[in-house]
N, C-alpha and C. Protein backbone atom coordinates (compact mmCIF):
# COMPACT_ATOMS: atom_id res chain seq x y z
N MET A 1 1.01 -1.12 0.10
CA MET A 1 0.14 -0.06 0.05
C MET A 1 0.70 1.13 0.14
N ASN A 2 1.66 1.28 0.83
CA ASN A 2 2.78 2.61 0.95
C ASN A 2 3.45 2.82 -0.41
N LYS A 3 3.90 1.50 -1.06
CA LYS A 3 4.44 1.52 -2.28
C LYS A 3 3.64 2.25 -3.41
N SER A 4 2.29 1.99 -3.62
CA SER A 4 1.35 2.40 -4.38
C SER A 4 1.19 4.04 -4.32
N TYR A 5 1.11 4.27 -2.94
CA TYR A 5 0.76 5.65 -2.52
C TYR A 5 1.92 6.57 -3.20
N TYR A 6 3.19 6.22 -3.17
CA TYR A 6 4.25 6.91 -3.81
C TYR A 6 4.02 7.07 -5.21
N ILE A 7 3.89 5.96 -5.66
CA ILE A 7 3.61 5.68 -7.32
C ILE A 7 2.47 6.74 -7.56
N SER A 8 1.45 6.89 -7.05
CA SER A 8 0.14 7.60 -7.51
C SER A 8 0.61 8.82 -7.05
N ALA A 9 1.29 9.33 -6.21
CA ALA A 9 1.87 10.58 -5.88
C ALA A 9 2.79 11.21 -7.18
N LEU A 10 3.84 10.23 -7.34
CA LEU A 10 4.65 10.67 -8.45
C LEU A 10 3.94 10.74 -9.87
N LEU A 11 3.00 9.87 -10.11
CA LEU A 11 2.04 10.14 -11.43
C LEU A 11 1.58 11.00 -11.40
N PHE A 12 0.76 11.47 -10.24
CA PHE A 12 -0.04 12.70 -10.13
C PHE A 12 0.88 14.08 -10.65
N PHE A 13 2.05 14.14 -9.74
CA PHE A 13 2.85 15.39 -10.06
C PHE A 13 3.65 15.33 -11.73
N LEU A 14 3.95 14.22 -12.17
CA LEU A 14 4.23 14.38 -13.54
C LEU A 14 3.06 14.69 -14.39
N VAL A 15 1.64 14.51 -14.17
CA VAL A 15 0.72 14.72 -14.95
C VAL A 15 0.43 16.17 -14.56
N LEU A 16 0.54 16.87 -13.54
CA LEU A 16 0.55 18.42 -13.43
C LEU A 16 1.47 18.91 -13.99
N GLN A 17 2.85 18.66 -13.81
CA GLN A 17 4.13 19.23 -14.59
C GLN A 17 3.57 19.23 -16.14
N PHE A 18 2.97 17.93 -16.72
CA PHE A 18 2.61 18.12 -18.14
C PHE A 18 1.62 18.91 -18.50
N LEU A 19 0.68 19.01 -17.58
CA LEU A 19 -0.67 20.22 -17.87
C LEU A 19 -0.07 21.56 -17.65
N THR A 20 0.88 21.83 -17.05
CA THR A 20 1.23 23.07 -16.55
C THR A 20 2.33 23.81 -17.71
N ALA A 21 2.89 22.77 -18.57
CA ALA A 21 3.69 23.05 -19.43
C ALA A 21 3.47 23.32 -20.63
N GLN A 22 1.98 23.20 -20.91
CA GLN A 22 1.59 23.55 -22.12
C GLN A 22 1.36 25.14 -22.47
N PRO A 23 1.52 25.30 -23.73
CA PRO A 23 1.69 27.23 -23.45
C PRO A 23 0.04 27.05 -24.43
N LYS A 24 -0.17 28.28 -23.99
CA LYS A 24 -1.78 28.65 -24.28
C LYS A 24 -2.00 29.04 -25.89
N SER A 25 -2.96 28.36 -26.38
CA SER A 25 -3.15 28.61 -27.44
C SER A 25 -3.06 29.84 -28.37
N ASN A 26 -3.05 30.42 -29.53
CA ASN A 26 -3.13 31.68 -29.88
C ASN A 26 -4.84 31.92 -30.17
N LEU A 27 -5.36 30.75 -30.40
CA LEU A 27 -7.07 31.45 -30.18
C LEU A 27 -7.62 31.69 -29.00
N ASP A 28 -7.02 30.69 -27.97
CA ASP A 28 -7.64 31.09 -26.55
C ASP A 28 -7.12 32.68 -25.83
N ILE A 29 -5.84 32.91 -26.52
CA ILE A 29 -5.22 34.32 -26.56
C ILE A 29 -6.60 35.13 -26.95
N ILE A 30 -6.72 34.99 -28.20
CA ILE A 30 -7.52 36.26 -28.79
C ILE A 30 -8.94 36.20 -28.39
N TYR A 31 -9.11 35.09 -27.68
CA TYR A 31 -10.70 35.07 -27.22
C TYR A 31 -10.40 36.12 -25.70
N ASP A 32 -9.37 36.12 -25.10
CA ASP A 32 -9.11 36.76 -23.90
C ASP A 32 -9.04 37.96 -24.52
N LEU A 33 -8.47 38.53 -25.64
CA LEU A 33 -8.17 39.67 -25.87
C LEU A 33 -9.46 40.83 -26.47
N ILE A 34 -10.36 40.04 -27.14
CA ILE A 34 -12.07 39.78 -27.51
C ILE A 34 -12.54 40.34 -25.73
N GLU A 35 -12.01 39.51 -24.69
CA GLU A 35 -13.19 39.66 -23.30
C GLU A 35 -12.43 40.98 -22.70
N GLU A 36 -10.85 41.29 -23.14
CA GLU A 36 -10.60 42.63 -22.64
C GLU A 36 -11.11 43.84 -23.15
N ASN A 37 -11.78 43.53 -24.12
CA ASN A 37 -12.39 44.74 -25.32
C ASN A 37 -13.46 44.80 -24.75
N VAL A 38 -14.54 43.58 -24.33
CA VAL A 38 -15.54 43.87 -23.86
C VAL A 38 -15.76 44.46 -22.62
N ASN A 39 -14.59 44.30 -21.70
CA ASN A 39 -14.43 45.08 -20.18
C ASN A 39 -14.20 46.38 -20.48
N GLN A 40 -13.31 46.80 -21.55
CA GLN A 40 -13.26 48.32 -21.78
C GLN A 40 -14.45 49.14 -22.44
N ILE A 41 -15.22 48.32 -23.09
CA ILE A 41 -16.67 48.80 -23.48
C ILE A 41 -17.30 49.07 -22.39
N LEU A 42 -17.47 48.04 -21.48
CA LEU A 42 -18.51 47.97 -20.38
C LEU A 42 -18.07 49.10 -19.60
N LEU A 43 -16.72 49.52 -19.24
CA LEU A 43 -16.53 50.91 -18.51
C LEU A 43 -16.79 52.01 -19.52
N LYS A 44 -17.07 52.01 -20.42
CA LYS A 44 -17.91 53.13 -20.94
C LYS A 44 -19.49 53.31 -20.97
N LEU A 45 -19.68 52.16 -20.46
CA LEU A 45 -21.24 52.16 -20.26
C LEU A 45 -21.90 53.05 -19.15
N PRO A 46 -22.94 53.74 -19.06
CA PRO A 46 -23.55 54.13 -18.03
C PRO A 46 -23.75 53.00 -16.79
N HIS A 47 -23.87 53.24 -15.66
CA HIS A 47 -24.25 52.07 -14.80
C HIS A 47 -25.47 51.50 -14.96
N ASP A 48 -25.83 50.47 -14.86
CA ASP A 48 -27.33 49.75 -15.27
C ASP A 48 -28.20 50.08 -16.67
N VAL A 49 -27.23 49.99 -17.60
CA VAL A 49 -27.54 50.18 -18.90
C VAL A 49 -27.73 48.76 -19.46
N THR A 50 -28.74 48.87 -20.45
CA THR A 50 -28.78 47.52 -21.43
C THR A 50 -28.45 47.64 -22.87
N LEU A 51 -27.99 47.13 -23.62
CA LEU A 51 -28.17 47.24 -25.01
C LEU A 51 -29.13 46.71 -25.89
N LYS A 52 -29.84 47.22 -26.65
CA LYS A 52 -31.03 47.18 -27.40
C LYS A 52 -30.52 46.28 -28.73
N GLU A 53 -29.09 46.70 -29.15
CA GLU A 53 -29.04 46.35 -30.56
C GLU A 53 -27.26 46.29 -30.32
N VAL A 54 -26.87 45.20 -30.84
CA VAL A 54 -25.52 44.82 -31.15
C VAL A 54 -25.04 44.51 -32.58
N GLU A 55 -24.10 45.45 -33.35
CA GLU A 55 -23.88 45.06 -34.46
C GLU A 55 -22.36 44.72 -34.37
N PHE A 56 -22.16 43.83 -35.22
CA PHE A 56 -20.67 43.35 -35.29
C PHE A 56 -20.19 43.32 -36.38
N ILE A 57 -19.15 44.04 -36.72
CA ILE A 57 -18.52 44.29 -38.21
C ILE A 57 -16.90 43.86 -38.25
N SER A 58 -16.83 43.21 -39.05
CA SER A 58 -15.35 42.30 -39.07
C SER A 58 -14.71 41.91 -40.83
N PRO A 59 -14.11 42.19 -41.26
CA PRO A 59 -13.57 41.33 -42.28
C PRO A 59 -13.83 39.59 -42.46
N LYS A 60 -14.18 39.14 -43.39
CA LYS A 60 -14.69 37.78 -43.66
C LYS A 60 -13.52 36.98 -42.71
N GLU A 61 -12.46 37.01 -42.71
CA GLU A 61 -11.72 35.77 -42.10
C GLU A 61 -11.95 36.16 -40.18
N TYR A 62 -12.68 36.97 -39.88
CA TYR A 62 -12.72 36.94 -38.50
C TYR A 62 -14.20 36.97 -38.15
N GLU A 63 -15.12 36.69 -39.11
CA GLU A 63 -16.50 36.43 -38.85
C GLU A 63 -16.82 35.37 -37.75
N ASN A 64 -15.84 34.66 -37.48
CA ASN A 64 -16.36 33.42 -36.46
C ASN A 64 -15.89 33.70 -35.22
N LEU A 65 -15.44 35.20 -34.99
CA LEU A 65 -15.10 35.48 -33.85
C LEU A 65 -16.63 36.22 -33.45
N GLU A 66 -17.51 36.57 -34.03
CA GLU A 66 -18.72 36.99 -33.73
C GLU A 66 -19.80 36.54 -32.23
N ASN A 67 -19.79 35.44 -32.48
CA ASN A 67 -20.67 34.60 -31.68
C ASN A 67 -19.51 34.64 -30.08
N ARG A 68 -18.28 34.57 -30.17
CA ARG A 68 -17.31 34.72 -28.83
C ARG A 68 -17.74 36.18 -28.29
N PHE A 69 -17.84 37.07 -29.29
CA PHE A 69 -18.03 38.29 -28.87
C PHE A 69 -19.34 38.64 -28.06
N LEU A 70 -20.64 38.08 -28.58
CA LEU A 70 -21.74 37.92 -28.22
C LEU A 70 -21.89 37.44 -26.90
N HIS A 71 -21.35 36.10 -26.76
CA HIS A 71 -21.37 35.04 -25.69
C HIS A 71 -20.64 36.00 -24.62
N THR A 72 -19.44 36.62 -24.81
CA THR A 72 -18.94 37.55 -23.19
C THR A 72 -19.43 38.62 -23.33
N LEU A 73 -20.11 39.47 -24.17
CA LEU A 73 -21.25 40.47 -23.66
C LEU A 73 -22.32 39.99 -22.68
N ASN A 74 -22.87 38.70 -23.23
CA ASN A 74 -23.82 38.46 -22.31
C ASN A 74 -23.46 37.61 -21.03
N ASN A 75 -22.22 37.41 -20.90
CA ASN A 75 -21.73 36.65 -19.78
C ASN A 75 -21.60 37.76 -18.70
N LYS A 76 -21.44 39.04 -19.40
CA LYS A 76 -21.01 40.03 -18.65
C LYS A 76 -22.58 40.73 -17.94
N GLY A 77 -23.43 40.17 -18.47
CA GLY A 77 -24.69 40.63 -17.78
C GLY A 77 -25.25 41.83 -18.20
N ILE A 78 -24.94 42.01 -20.17
CA ILE A 78 -25.81 42.79 -20.66
C ILE A 78 -26.62 42.74 -21.42
N PHE A 79 -28.06 42.70 -20.96
CA PHE A 79 -29.19 42.08 -21.38
C PHE A 79 -29.72 42.68 -22.86
N ARG A 80 -30.27 42.56 -23.60
CA ARG A 80 -30.79 43.06 -24.86
C ARG A 80 -32.29 43.38 -24.78
N THR A 81 -32.70 44.78 -24.61
CA THR A 81 -33.93 44.98 -24.47
C THR A 81 -34.25 46.24 -25.52
N ASP A 82 -35.73 46.18 -25.70
CA ASP A 82 -36.56 46.96 -26.71
C ASP A 82 -36.47 48.06 -26.05
N SER A 83 -35.87 48.55 -24.87
CA SER A 83 -36.16 49.69 -24.17
C SER A 83 -35.94 51.10 -24.94
N VAL A 84 -36.65 52.26 -24.61
CA VAL A 84 -36.12 53.36 -25.63
C VAL A 84 -34.92 54.10 -24.76
N HIS A 85 -34.59 53.50 -23.71
CA HIS A 85 -33.32 54.29 -23.03
C HIS A 85 -32.00 53.39 -23.16
N SER A 86 -32.23 52.12 -23.99
CA SER A 86 -31.05 51.25 -24.13
C SER A 86 -30.10 51.54 -25.19
N PHE A 87 -28.73 51.28 -24.99
CA PHE A 87 -27.61 51.77 -26.14
C PHE A 87 -27.71 50.76 -26.93
N SER A 88 -27.35 51.27 -28.20
CA SER A 88 -26.74 50.27 -29.30
C SER A 88 -25.68 50.28 -29.43
N LEU A 89 -24.94 49.35 -29.69
CA LEU A 89 -23.57 49.22 -30.01
C LEU A 89 -23.07 48.77 -31.06
N LYS A 90 -22.02 49.14 -31.88
CA LYS A 90 -21.71 48.95 -33.14
C LYS A 90 -19.92 48.84 -32.61
N TYR A 91 -19.90 47.28 -32.94
CA TYR A 91 -18.21 46.94 -33.10
C TYR A 91 -17.73 46.56 -33.85
N SER A 92 -16.51 47.18 -34.03
CA SER A 92 -15.77 46.60 -35.71
C SER A 92 -14.73 45.81 -34.85
N LEU A 93 -14.13 44.93 -35.44
CA LEU A 93 -13.21 43.85 -35.30
C LEU A 93 -11.99 44.31 -36.34
N ASP A 94 -11.30 45.52 -36.14
CA ASP A 94 -10.49 45.73 -37.60
C ASP A 94 -9.10 44.97 -38.11
N GLN A 95 -8.54 44.43 -36.66
CA GLN A 95 -7.29 43.58 -37.07
C GLN A 95 -7.09 42.69 -36.18
N ILE A 96 -6.29 41.53 -36.48
CA ILE A 96 -5.90 40.46 -35.78
C ILE A 96 -4.26 40.07 -36.12
N GLY A 97 -3.32 40.29 -35.22
CA GLY A 97 -1.94 39.83 -35.74
C GLY A 97 -1.31 39.27 -34.74
N VAL A 98 -0.48 38.05 -35.51
CA VAL A 98 0.32 37.12 -34.50
C VAL A 98 1.63 37.01 -35.44
N LEU A 99 2.56 37.71 -34.04
CA LEU A 99 4.03 38.14 -34.83
C LEU A 99 4.79 37.18 -33.71
N TYR A 100 6.06 36.56 -34.42
CA TYR A 100 6.93 35.79 -33.62
C TYR A 100 8.42 36.57 -33.70
N SER A 101 9.05 36.52 -32.72
CA SER A 101 10.61 37.06 -33.07
C SER A 101 11.47 36.38 -34.12
N GLU A 102 12.66 36.61 -33.98
CA GLU A 102 13.60 35.80 -34.52
C GLU A 102 14.12 34.53 -33.15
N PRO A 103 14.38 33.34 -33.65
CA PRO A 103 14.37 32.45 -32.44
C PRO A 103 15.86 33.06 -31.87
N PHE A 104 15.79 32.64 -30.21
CA PHE A 104 17.28 32.89 -29.47
C PHE A 104 17.08 31.68 -28.55
N ARG A 105 18.13 31.64 -27.76
CA ARG A 105 18.27 30.84 -26.58
C ARG A 105 18.69 31.47 -25.65
N GLY A 106 18.52 30.91 -24.58
CA GLY A 106 18.59 31.57 -23.26
C GLY A 106 20.04 31.05 -22.68
N SER A 107 20.91 30.06 -23.32
CA SER A 107 21.93 29.33 -22.66
C SER A 107 22.40 28.69 -24.14
N LEU A 108 23.41 28.20 -24.08
CA LEU A 108 24.35 27.58 -25.31
C LEU A 108 23.81 26.43 -25.85
N LEU A 109 23.00 25.76 -24.83
CA LEU A 109 22.86 24.17 -25.14
C LEU A 109 21.00 23.86 -24.89
N SER A 110 20.22 25.35 -24.64
CA SER A 110 18.47 25.16 -24.29
C SER A 110 18.26 25.36 -25.61
N ASP A 111 17.07 24.98 -25.67
CA ASP A 111 16.04 24.86 -26.83
C ASP A 111 16.05 26.34 -27.39
N TYR A 112 15.43 26.45 -28.71
CA TYR A 112 15.47 27.76 -29.32
C TYR A 112 13.94 28.32 -28.57
N GLU A 113 14.05 29.29 -28.52
CA GLU A 113 12.70 30.08 -27.82
C GLU A 113 12.41 31.27 -29.11
N VAL A 114 11.17 31.71 -28.66
CA VAL A 114 10.64 33.05 -29.69
C VAL A 114 9.66 33.89 -28.66
N GLU A 115 9.83 35.04 -28.95
CA GLU A 115 8.64 35.79 -28.44
C GLU A 115 7.56 36.07 -29.23
N ARG A 116 6.57 35.80 -28.59
CA ARG A 116 5.22 35.69 -29.37
C ARG A 116 4.22 36.93 -29.04
N LYS A 117 3.85 37.75 -29.86
CA LYS A 117 3.15 39.00 -30.01
C LYS A 117 1.79 38.87 -30.57
N ILE A 118 0.68 38.80 -29.67
CA ILE A 118 -0.74 38.69 -30.64
C ILE A 118 -1.45 40.00 -30.03
N PHE A 119 -1.60 40.71 -30.93
CA PHE A 119 -2.70 42.15 -30.99
C PHE A 119 -3.92 41.86 -31.33
N LEU A 120 -4.54 42.82 -31.03
CA LEU A 120 -5.93 43.05 -31.63
C LEU A 120 -6.62 44.53 -31.52
N SER A 121 -6.99 44.85 -32.46
CA SER A 121 -7.11 46.35 -33.10
C SER A 121 -8.63 46.28 -33.24
N SER A 122 -9.61 47.13 -32.54
CA SER A 122 -10.67 47.39 -33.01
C SER A 122 -11.79 48.91 -32.63
N THR A 123 -12.53 48.78 -33.21
CA THR A 123 -13.10 50.72 -32.93
C THR A 123 -14.78 50.01 -32.21
N PHE A 124 -15.49 50.92 -31.31
CA PHE A 124 -16.55 50.85 -31.20
C PHE A 124 -17.32 51.96 -30.74
N ALA A 125 -18.83 52.18 -30.78
CA ALA A 125 -19.50 53.14 -31.01
C ALA A 125 -20.94 52.79 -30.37
N LEU A 126 -20.80 53.52 -29.21
CA LEU A 126 -22.29 53.29 -28.32
C LEU A 126 -23.30 54.85 -28.85
N GLY A 127 -24.18 54.32 -29.05
CA GLY A 127 -25.34 55.55 -29.12
C GLY A 127 -26.65 55.15 -28.58
N ILE A 128 -27.22 56.08 -28.26
CA ILE A 128 -28.81 56.10 -28.00
C ILE A 128 -29.78 57.09 -29.04
N ASN A 129 -30.80 56.36 -29.38
CA ASN A 129 -31.80 56.81 -30.05
C ASN A 129 -30.95 57.55 -31.72
N ASN A 130 -30.40 56.81 -32.25
CA ASN A 130 -29.48 57.08 -33.66
C ASN A 130 -28.49 58.15 -33.30
N HIS A 131 -28.25 58.50 -32.01
CA HIS A 131 -27.24 59.49 -31.96
C HIS A 131 -25.75 59.03 -31.18
N VAL A 132 -24.61 59.20 -31.84
CA VAL A 132 -23.52 58.40 -31.02
C VAL A 132 -23.34 59.49 -30.09
N LYS A 133 -22.86 58.57 -28.75
CA LYS A 133 -22.50 59.07 -27.48
C LYS A 133 -21.21 58.89 -27.01
N HIS A 134 -20.43 57.92 -27.77
CA HIS A 134 -19.17 57.83 -27.36
C HIS A 134 -18.51 56.77 -28.49
N SER A 135 -17.57 56.93 -28.78
CA SER A 135 -16.95 55.92 -30.01
C SER A 135 -15.04 56.11 -29.50
N GLU A 136 -14.50 54.67 -29.80
CA GLU A 136 -12.95 54.94 -29.46
C GLU A 136 -12.56 53.63 -30.03
N ILE A 137 -11.22 53.82 -30.19
CA ILE A 137 -10.44 52.92 -30.72
C ILE A 137 -9.95 52.20 -29.54
N ILE A 138 -9.59 50.88 -29.64
CA ILE A 138 -9.23 49.85 -28.40
C ILE A 138 -7.91 48.77 -29.13
N GLU A 139 -7.07 49.03 -28.58
CA GLU A 139 -5.94 48.24 -28.96
C GLU A 139 -5.42 47.69 -27.72
N THR A 140 -5.23 45.89 -27.92
CA THR A 140 -5.09 45.46 -26.64
C THR A 140 -3.90 44.41 -27.26
N GLU A 141 -2.78 44.16 -26.56
CA GLU A 141 -1.97 43.04 -27.09
C GLU A 141 -1.49 42.02 -25.90
N PHE A 142 -0.77 40.71 -26.25
CA PHE A 142 -0.61 39.69 -25.23
C PHE A 142 0.76 39.56 -26.01
N SER A 143 1.73 39.36 -24.82
CA SER A 143 3.17 38.97 -25.13
C SER A 143 3.85 37.95 -24.32
N ASP A 144 4.29 36.71 -24.70
CA ASP A 144 4.95 35.84 -24.00
C ASP A 144 5.96 35.06 -24.62
N THR A 145 6.84 34.45 -24.02
CA THR A 145 7.81 33.51 -24.69
C THR A 145 7.45 32.39 -24.78
N LEU A 146 7.72 31.58 -25.70
CA LEU A 146 7.74 29.99 -25.97
C LEU A 146 8.50 29.20 -26.58
N TYR A 147 8.80 28.06 -26.67
CA TYR A 147 9.83 27.36 -27.48
C TYR A 147 9.30 27.60 -28.89
N TYR A 148 10.51 27.48 -29.57
CA TYR A 148 10.02 27.75 -31.08
C TYR A 148 9.69 26.25 -31.65
N SER A 149 9.87 25.06 -31.02
CA SER A 149 8.94 23.82 -31.68
C SER A 149 7.68 23.67 -31.16
N ASP A 150 7.29 24.76 -30.21
CA ASP A 150 5.78 25.11 -29.80
C ASP A 150 5.17 25.80 -30.49
N ILE A 151 5.43 26.49 -31.68
CA ILE A 151 4.65 27.18 -32.57
C ILE A 151 3.46 26.30 -33.50
N LYS A 152 4.06 25.30 -33.38
CA LYS A 152 2.88 24.57 -34.21
C LYS A 152 1.67 23.79 -33.65
N ILE A 153 2.24 24.09 -32.06
CA ILE A 153 1.30 23.60 -30.97
C ILE A 153 0.10 24.32 -30.86
N VAL A 154 0.73 25.87 -30.50
CA VAL A 154 -0.17 26.98 -30.32
C VAL A 154 -1.16 27.57 -31.60
N GLU A 155 -0.92 27.16 -32.90
CA GLU A 155 -1.35 27.63 -33.99
C GLU A 155 -2.35 26.64 -34.37
N THR A 156 -3.92 27.00 -34.58
CA THR A 156 -5.16 26.18 -34.85
C THR A 156 -4.85 25.94 -36.41
N PRO A 157 -5.07 24.81 -36.89
CA PRO A 157 -4.50 24.33 -38.68
C PRO A 157 -5.28 25.21 -39.37
N ASN A 158 -6.77 25.19 -38.97
CA ASN A 158 -7.50 25.37 -40.25
C ASN A 158 -8.28 26.90 -39.44
N LEU A 159 -7.41 27.67 -38.89
CA LEU A 159 -7.64 29.02 -38.56
C LEU A 159 -6.79 29.89 -38.99
N SER A 160 -6.83 30.46 -40.05
CA SER A 160 -5.20 31.32 -40.38
C SER A 160 -5.43 32.71 -39.54
N ILE A 161 -6.32 33.18 -38.77
CA ILE A 161 -6.01 34.35 -37.94
C ILE A 161 -5.17 33.70 -36.80
N THR A 162 -4.99 32.46 -36.41
CA THR A 162 -3.86 32.30 -35.45
C THR A 162 -2.58 31.91 -36.03
N HIS A 163 -2.58 32.03 -37.01
CA HIS A 163 -1.00 31.67 -37.59
C HIS A 163 0.14 33.05 -37.80
N GLY A 164 0.89 33.25 -37.41
CA GLY A 164 2.02 34.25 -37.96
C GLY A 164 2.92 33.52 -38.47
N THR A 165 3.97 34.41 -39.17
CA THR A 165 5.13 34.16 -39.94
C THR A 165 6.19 33.46 -39.20
N LYS A 166 6.51 32.09 -39.31
CA LYS A 166 7.16 31.52 -38.63
C LYS A 166 8.68 31.43 -39.01
N PRO A 167 9.47 31.97 -37.71
CA PRO A 167 10.76 32.63 -38.57
C PRO A 167 11.63 31.24 -38.72
N SER A 168 12.37 31.40 -39.38
CA SER A 168 13.70 30.14 -39.61
C SER A 168 14.63 30.04 -38.70
N GLU A 169 14.84 28.93 -38.46
CA GLU A 169 16.04 28.30 -37.21
C GLU A 169 17.17 29.03 -37.85
N PRO A 170 18.20 29.39 -36.94
CA PRO A 170 19.38 30.05 -37.40
C PRO A 170 20.28 28.55 -37.84
N LEU A 171 20.86 28.65 -39.15
CA LEU A 171 21.56 27.43 -39.74
C LEU A 171 23.01 27.19 -39.05
N PHE A 172 23.46 28.16 -38.66
CA PHE A 172 24.96 28.41 -37.89
C PHE A 172 24.77 27.64 -36.67
N GLU A 173 23.79 28.38 -36.00
CA GLU A 173 23.56 27.97 -34.67
C GLU A 173 23.00 26.57 -34.33
N SER A 174 22.30 26.11 -35.53
CA SER A 174 21.70 24.82 -35.17
C SER A 174 22.58 23.85 -35.84
N LEU A 175 23.94 24.11 -36.28
CA LEU A 175 25.04 23.47 -36.60
C LEU A 175 26.03 23.09 -35.42
N LEU A 176 25.92 24.16 -34.61
CA LEU A 176 26.67 24.27 -33.51
C LEU A 176 26.73 23.21 -32.40
N GLU A 177 25.22 22.94 -31.78
CA GLU A 177 24.92 21.75 -31.11
C GLU A 177 25.61 20.57 -31.60
N PRO A 178 25.30 19.69 -32.75
CA PRO A 178 26.11 18.69 -32.99
C PRO A 178 27.53 18.86 -32.78
N VAL A 179 28.38 19.73 -33.54
CA VAL A 179 29.70 20.02 -33.36
C VAL A 179 30.14 19.75 -32.10
N ILE A 180 29.55 20.66 -31.28
CA ILE A 180 30.00 20.88 -29.93
C ILE A 180 29.61 19.16 -29.07
N ALA A 181 28.66 18.50 -29.54
CA ALA A 181 28.50 17.17 -28.86
C ALA A 181 29.49 16.26 -29.47
N ILE A 182 29.84 16.35 -30.61
CA ILE A 182 30.81 15.33 -31.52
C ILE A 182 32.41 15.97 -30.73
N GLY A 183 32.63 16.96 -30.61
CA GLY A 183 33.70 17.49 -30.33
C GLY A 183 33.91 17.02 -28.59
N VAL A 184 32.87 17.04 -27.89
CA VAL A 184 33.03 16.37 -26.76
C VAL A 184 33.37 14.96 -26.57
N VAL A 185 32.41 14.35 -27.41
CA VAL A 185 32.76 12.70 -27.75
C VAL A 185 34.14 12.41 -27.94
N ILE A 186 34.73 13.06 -28.79
CA ILE A 186 35.98 13.00 -29.44
C ILE A 186 37.19 13.38 -28.25
N VAL A 187 37.23 14.34 -27.62
CA VAL A 187 37.80 14.31 -26.32
C VAL A 187 37.77 13.59 -25.42
N THR A 188 36.66 12.96 -25.02
CA THR A 188 36.34 12.05 -24.00
C THR A 188 37.30 10.77 -24.50
N ILE A 189 37.08 10.13 -25.77
CA ILE A 189 37.77 8.96 -26.16
C ILE A 189 39.30 9.36 -26.13
N ILE A 190 39.80 10.70 -26.65
CA ILE A 190 41.02 10.72 -26.66
C ILE A 190 41.72 10.66 -25.24
N LEU A 191 40.80 11.10 -24.39
CA LEU A 191 41.35 11.55 -22.65
C LEU A 191 41.16 10.01 -22.05
N LEU A 192 40.08 9.18 -22.71
CA LEU A 192 40.23 7.79 -21.97
C LEU A 192 41.56 7.10 -22.64
N PHE A 193 41.79 7.24 -23.89
CA PHE A 193 42.92 6.17 -24.25
C PHE A 193 44.50 6.81 -23.66
N THR A 194 44.57 8.19 -23.69
CA THR A 194 45.52 8.61 -23.00
C THR A 194 45.79 8.18 -21.88
N VAL A 195 44.78 8.14 -20.67
CA VAL A 195 44.77 7.68 -19.51
C VAL A 195 45.25 6.71 -19.20
N ARG A 196 44.62 5.58 -20.03
CA ARG A 196 44.52 4.42 -20.19
C ARG A 196 45.99 3.65 -20.49
N SER A 197 46.56 4.45 -21.38
CA SER A 197 47.76 3.97 -22.25
C SER A 197 49.14 4.30 -21.27
N LYS A 198 48.83 5.33 -20.20
CA LYS A 198 50.03 5.63 -19.27
C LYS A 198 49.97 4.73 -18.10
């Protein structure tokens, strides 16, 4: 029983380590940025105001994000009514971009890493009775560092909005690691035979 307890604990920590090591996908980050936009819009709304009309405008490739925007609005407690005092919201999702920096290493033998930046640019207009009360440009950005090999994991294959231009791995540095490894093996063999012969 004691042995199975230790094995279970070890497996738990290994699974926990695996789950925490996964980077957040680009699509999830875009969803978070949309939620940030909704929060900024809600800050501009007067207290206890409802929306009677929401219009989502975007280029064709962003149309699938409309439901996420409306879902986020609904979760924040903005209810649609036909009241005369309800606001109308016109939201335009203008641009989404995913950028990767050139690969770099933290140390000589570490894996390549890239800095990932995802930005979202949008505009909105709040109006009442066909008069615009407030309009604003919203620009939100997320940045972090991830392993070069994780780029294919964080991008959603069928969604072009989650793809950035993947930087090429430096040729000289990718050749340097095997040369160092082979050099270490050669020096070890030479030292082994030199010490053994004496």
